[in-house]
């Protein structure tokens, strides 16, 4: 028998349709328009999500899922020294926000909506926990200063990362991703106690 493409569930179609409506209409959507785009009844949309607020929360949840994969999954190769791996993770965050058409709405207009804030908080708490574990691992490997408190520093680093990315993607002229990465990583280096000489030594060991 020929391979059959798996059928996409109506709930997933609705989330994708809602995201498209939000992007197309600068953060606005109506359940009837979303249902029509998804090819389902508006009653089914309310059945799945309860309200427009519930559907919006599902769209935001879908947006953040890949960021959790970057932090928790195998997206970033593990066969690197600690600093190189974390810089690659930072680059992946920047590239995701720069490349996703929904990101400017999260950074701007929709970021003030209570349901968006609640969903963001849930995801950010998970990212902060994982980030604190990463910093502690960096300390054990001697890459991060032993003087820092991981649970405190990660809040400063993640807060700075998000603010920098949000400002960049909302700017009239976005800075190049490489420039943004260099500036964010310089901030991270200072906060974590990474020094240029340490990085040079690591590069020397890799290329020696």
Protein backbone atom coordinates (compact mmCIF):
# COMPACT_ATOMS: atom_id res chain seq x y z
CA UNK A 1 0.00 0.00 0.00
CA UNK A 2 1.27 3.52 -0.71
CA UNK A 3 2.30 5.63 2.25
CA UNK A 4 -0.46 7.88 3.47
CA UNK A 5 0.16 11.33 4.92
CA UNK A 6 -1.06 11.39 8.54
CA UNK A 7 -4.22 13.40 8.92
CA UNK A 8 -3.77 16.62 10.87
CA UNK A 9 -6.23 16.91 13.76
CA UNK A 10 -8.75 19.73 13.84
CA UNK A 11 -7.18 21.15 17.01
CA UNK A 12 -3.79 21.51 15.31
CA UNK A 13 -5.40 23.02 12.21
CA UNK A 14 -7.16 25.55 14.41
CA UNK A 15 -3.94 26.55 16.17
CA UNK A 16 -2.15 26.99 12.86
CA UNK A 17 -5.08 28.94 11.44
CA UNK A 18 -5.20 31.16 14.52
CA UNK A 19 -1.50 31.93 14.24
CA UNK A 20 -1.96 32.85 10.58
CA UNK A 21 -4.92 35.10 11.44
CA UNK A 22 -2.95 36.83 14.18
CA UNK A 23 0.04 37.45 11.93
CA UNK A 24 -2.14 38.66 9.06
CA UNK A 25 -4.22 40.98 11.26
CA UNK A 26 -1.53 42.39 13.55
CA UNK A 27 -2.50 40.43 16.64
CA UNK A 28 -6.26 40.30 16.12
CA UNK A 29 -8.41 37.25 15.39
CA UNK A 30 -12.03 36.18 15.47
CA UNK A 31 -13.09 32.61 16.16
CA UNK A 32 -15.35 32.48 13.10
CA UNK A 33 -12.53 33.54 10.78
CA UNK A 34 -10.13 31.06 12.37
CA UNK A 35 -12.64 28.22 12.04
CA UNK A 36 -13.26 29.10 8.39
CA UNK A 37 -9.53 29.15 7.65
CA UNK A 38 -9.11 25.78 9.41
CA UNK A 39 -12.08 24.29 7.56
CA UNK A 40 -14.07 23.40 10.69
CA UNK A 41 -17.18 24.70 12.44
CA UNK A 42 -16.84 27.51 14.94
CA UNK A 43 -18.55 25.23 17.45
CA UNK A 44 -15.67 22.77 17.15
CA UNK A 45 -13.22 25.62 17.78
CA UNK A 46 -15.00 26.44 21.04
CA UNK A 47 -15.16 22.73 21.89
CA UNK A 48 -11.38 22.39 21.64
CA UNK A 49 -10.31 25.65 23.28
CA UNK A 50 -13.28 27.01 25.19
CA UNK A 51 -12.74 30.62 24.13
CA UNK A 52 -10.63 32.93 22.02
CA UNK A 53 -8.39 33.33 25.05
CA UNK A 54 -7.84 29.58 25.21
CA UNK A 55 -6.99 29.43 21.52
CA UNK A 56 -4.54 32.32 21.85
CA UNK A 57 -2.82 30.53 24.74
CA UNK A 58 -2.49 27.43 22.54
CA UNK A 59 -0.85 29.50 19.78
CA UNK A 60 1.66 30.93 22.26
CA UNK A 61 2.32 27.46 23.65
CA UNK A 62 3.08 26.24 20.12
CA UNK A 63 5.44 29.17 19.59
CA UNK A 64 7.49 28.40 22.70
CA UNK A 65 7.73 24.62 22.23
CA UNK A 66 10.77 24.78 19.87
CA UNK A 67 12.61 27.04 22.34
CA UNK A 68 12.22 24.34 24.97
CA UNK A 69 13.58 21.85 22.45
CA UNK A 70 16.63 24.08 22.01
CA UNK A 71 17.17 24.05 25.77
CA UNK A 72 16.17 20.50 26.66
CA UNK A 73 16.53 18.45 23.50
CA UNK A 74 19.41 17.39 21.26
CA UNK A 75 19.17 20.41 18.93
CA UNK A 76 22.56 21.65 20.15
CA UNK A 77 25.39 19.10 19.68
CA UNK A 78 26.89 17.94 22.97
CA UNK A 79 30.38 17.24 21.57
CA UNK A 80 31.56 20.81 22.23
CA UNK A 81 33.14 22.47 25.21
CA UNK A 82 30.68 24.13 27.55
CA UNK A 83 31.13 27.74 26.37
CA UNK A 84 30.90 26.81 22.67
CA UNK A 85 27.73 24.82 23.28
CA UNK A 86 26.05 27.66 25.18
CA UNK A 87 27.03 30.18 22.53
CA UNK A 88 25.48 27.87 19.93
CA UNK A 89 22.34 27.70 22.06
CA UNK A 90 22.21 31.51 22.22
CA UNK A 91 22.63 31.68 18.44
CA UNK A 92 19.75 29.23 18.00
CA UNK A 93 17.49 31.41 20.19
CA UNK A 94 18.29 34.48 18.10
CA UNK A 95 17.75 32.67 14.81
CA UNK A 96 14.41 31.31 15.99
CA UNK A 97 13.05 34.74 16.95
CA UNK A 98 14.45 36.39 13.82
CA UNK A 99 12.94 33.73 11.57
CA UNK A 100 9.48 33.34 13.08
CA UNK A 101 6.77 35.72 11.78
CA UNK A 102 4.86 35.45 15.07
CA UNK A 103 7.82 36.66 17.15
CA UNK A 104 7.23 40.42 16.67
CA UNK A 105 3.69 40.00 18.06
CA UNK A 106 5.02 38.17 21.12
CA UNK A 107 7.63 40.89 21.60
CA UNK A 108 5.15 43.68 21.05
CA UNK A 109 1.38 43.92 21.10
CA UNK A 110 0.46 40.41 22.29
CA UNK A 111 3.15 40.41 24.96
CA UNK A 112 0.88 42.58 27.12
CA UNK A 113 -2.08 40.20 26.99
CA UNK A 114 -2.62 38.34 30.33
CA UNK A 115 -3.05 34.93 28.71
CA UNK A 116 0.16 35.41 26.75
CA UNK A 117 2.03 36.48 29.87
CA UNK A 118 0.76 33.44 31.76
CA UNK A 119 1.88 31.03 29.05
CA UNK A 120 5.22 32.79 28.67
CA UNK A 121 5.79 32.57 32.42
CA UNK A 122 5.20 28.82 32.39
CA UNK A 123 7.72 28.28 29.60
CA UNK A 124 10.25 30.76 30.97
CA UNK A 125 10.23 29.10 34.39
CA UNK A 126 11.17 25.82 32.73
CA UNK A 127 13.91 27.55 30.72
CA UNK A 128 15.26 29.22 33.86
CA UNK A 129 15.45 25.90 35.69
CA UNK A 130 17.34 24.30 32.83
CA UNK A 131 19.58 27.35 32.51
CA UNK A 132 20.51 27.19 36.18
CA UNK A 133 21.46 23.54 35.73
CA UNK A 134 23.58 24.46 32.71
CA UNK A 135 25.42 27.14 34.69
CA UNK A 136 26.06 24.71 37.55
CA UNK A 137 27.46 22.25 35.03
CA UNK A 138 29.68 25.01 33.65
CA UNK A 139 30.98 25.67 37.15
CA UNK A 140 31.79 21.97 37.65
CA UNK A 141 33.72 22.00 34.37
CA UNK A 142 35.62 25.15 35.34
CA UNK A 143 34.16 27.25 32.53
CA UNK A 144 31.98 29.48 34.74
CA UNK A 145 33.10 31.44 37.78
CA UNK A 146 32.61 29.55 41.04
CA UNK A 147 31.45 32.79 42.68
CA UNK A 148 28.15 33.13 40.82
CA UNK A 149 24.82 31.80 42.07
CA UNK A 150 23.29 29.95 39.09
CA UNK A 151 19.66 30.52 40.13
CA UNK A 152 20.26 34.29 40.37
CA UNK A 153 22.50 34.78 37.35
CA UNK A 154 20.25 32.86 34.97
CA UNK A 155 17.46 35.35 35.63
CA UNK A 156 19.74 38.21 34.67
CA UNK A 157 21.03 36.43 31.57
CA UNK A 158 17.65 35.25 30.30
CA UNK A 159 16.04 38.60 31.02
CA UNK A 160 18.80 40.38 29.13
CA UNK A 161 18.60 37.90 26.27
CA UNK A 162 14.86 38.34 25.80
CA UNK A 163 14.98 42.12 26.12
CA UNK A 164 17.79 42.36 23.59
CA UNK A 165 16.06 40.04 21.11
CA UNK A 166 12.70 41.80 21.53
CA UNK A 167 14.29 45.21 20.96
CA UNK A 168 16.13 43.92 17.90
CA UNK A 169 13.15 42.31 16.18
CA UNK A 170 10.96 45.37 16.80
CA UNK A 171 13.57 47.82 15.52
CA UNK A 172 12.87 49.65 12.25
CA UNK A 173 16.14 48.21 10.99
CA UNK A 174 17.07 44.94 12.62
CA UNK A 175 20.73 44.55 13.51
CA UNK A 176 22.43 41.61 11.80
CA UNK A 177 22.09 38.39 13.77
CA UNK A 178 25.86 38.11 14.06
CA UNK A 179 26.11 41.57 15.64
CA UNK A 180 23.31 40.79 18.09
CA UNK A 181 24.95 37.48 19.02
CA UNK A 182 28.33 39.14 19.59
CA UNK A 183 26.83 41.78 21.88
CA UNK A 184 24.71 39.33 23.85
CA UNK A 185 27.58 36.87 24.22
CA UNK A 186 29.91 39.62 25.45
CA UNK A 187 27.29 40.39 28.13
CA UNK A 188 27.07 36.69 28.99
CA UNK A 189 30.85 36.37 29.21
CA UNK A 190 31.05 39.12 31.79
CA UNK A 191 28.16 37.77 33.84
CA UNK A 192 29.42 34.19 33.89
CA UNK A 193 33.06 35.12 34.50
CA UNK A 194 34.19 33.78 31.14
CA UNK A 195 37.30 35.63 29.99
CA UNK A 196 38.68 36.15 26.52
CA UNK A 197 41.86 34.37 27.54
CA UNK A 198 39.84 31.33 28.64
CA UNK A 199 38.06 31.27 25.29
CA UNK A 200 41.35 31.62 23.43
CA UNK A 201 42.78 28.71 25.40
CA UNK A 202 39.77 26.57 24.51
CA UNK A 203 40.10 27.47 20.83
CA UNK A 204 43.81 26.71 21.01
CA UNK A 205 43.16 23.27 22.45
CA UNK A 206 40.64 22.53 19.69
CA UNK A 207 42.95 23.67 16.90
CA UNK A 208 46.27 22.61 18.41
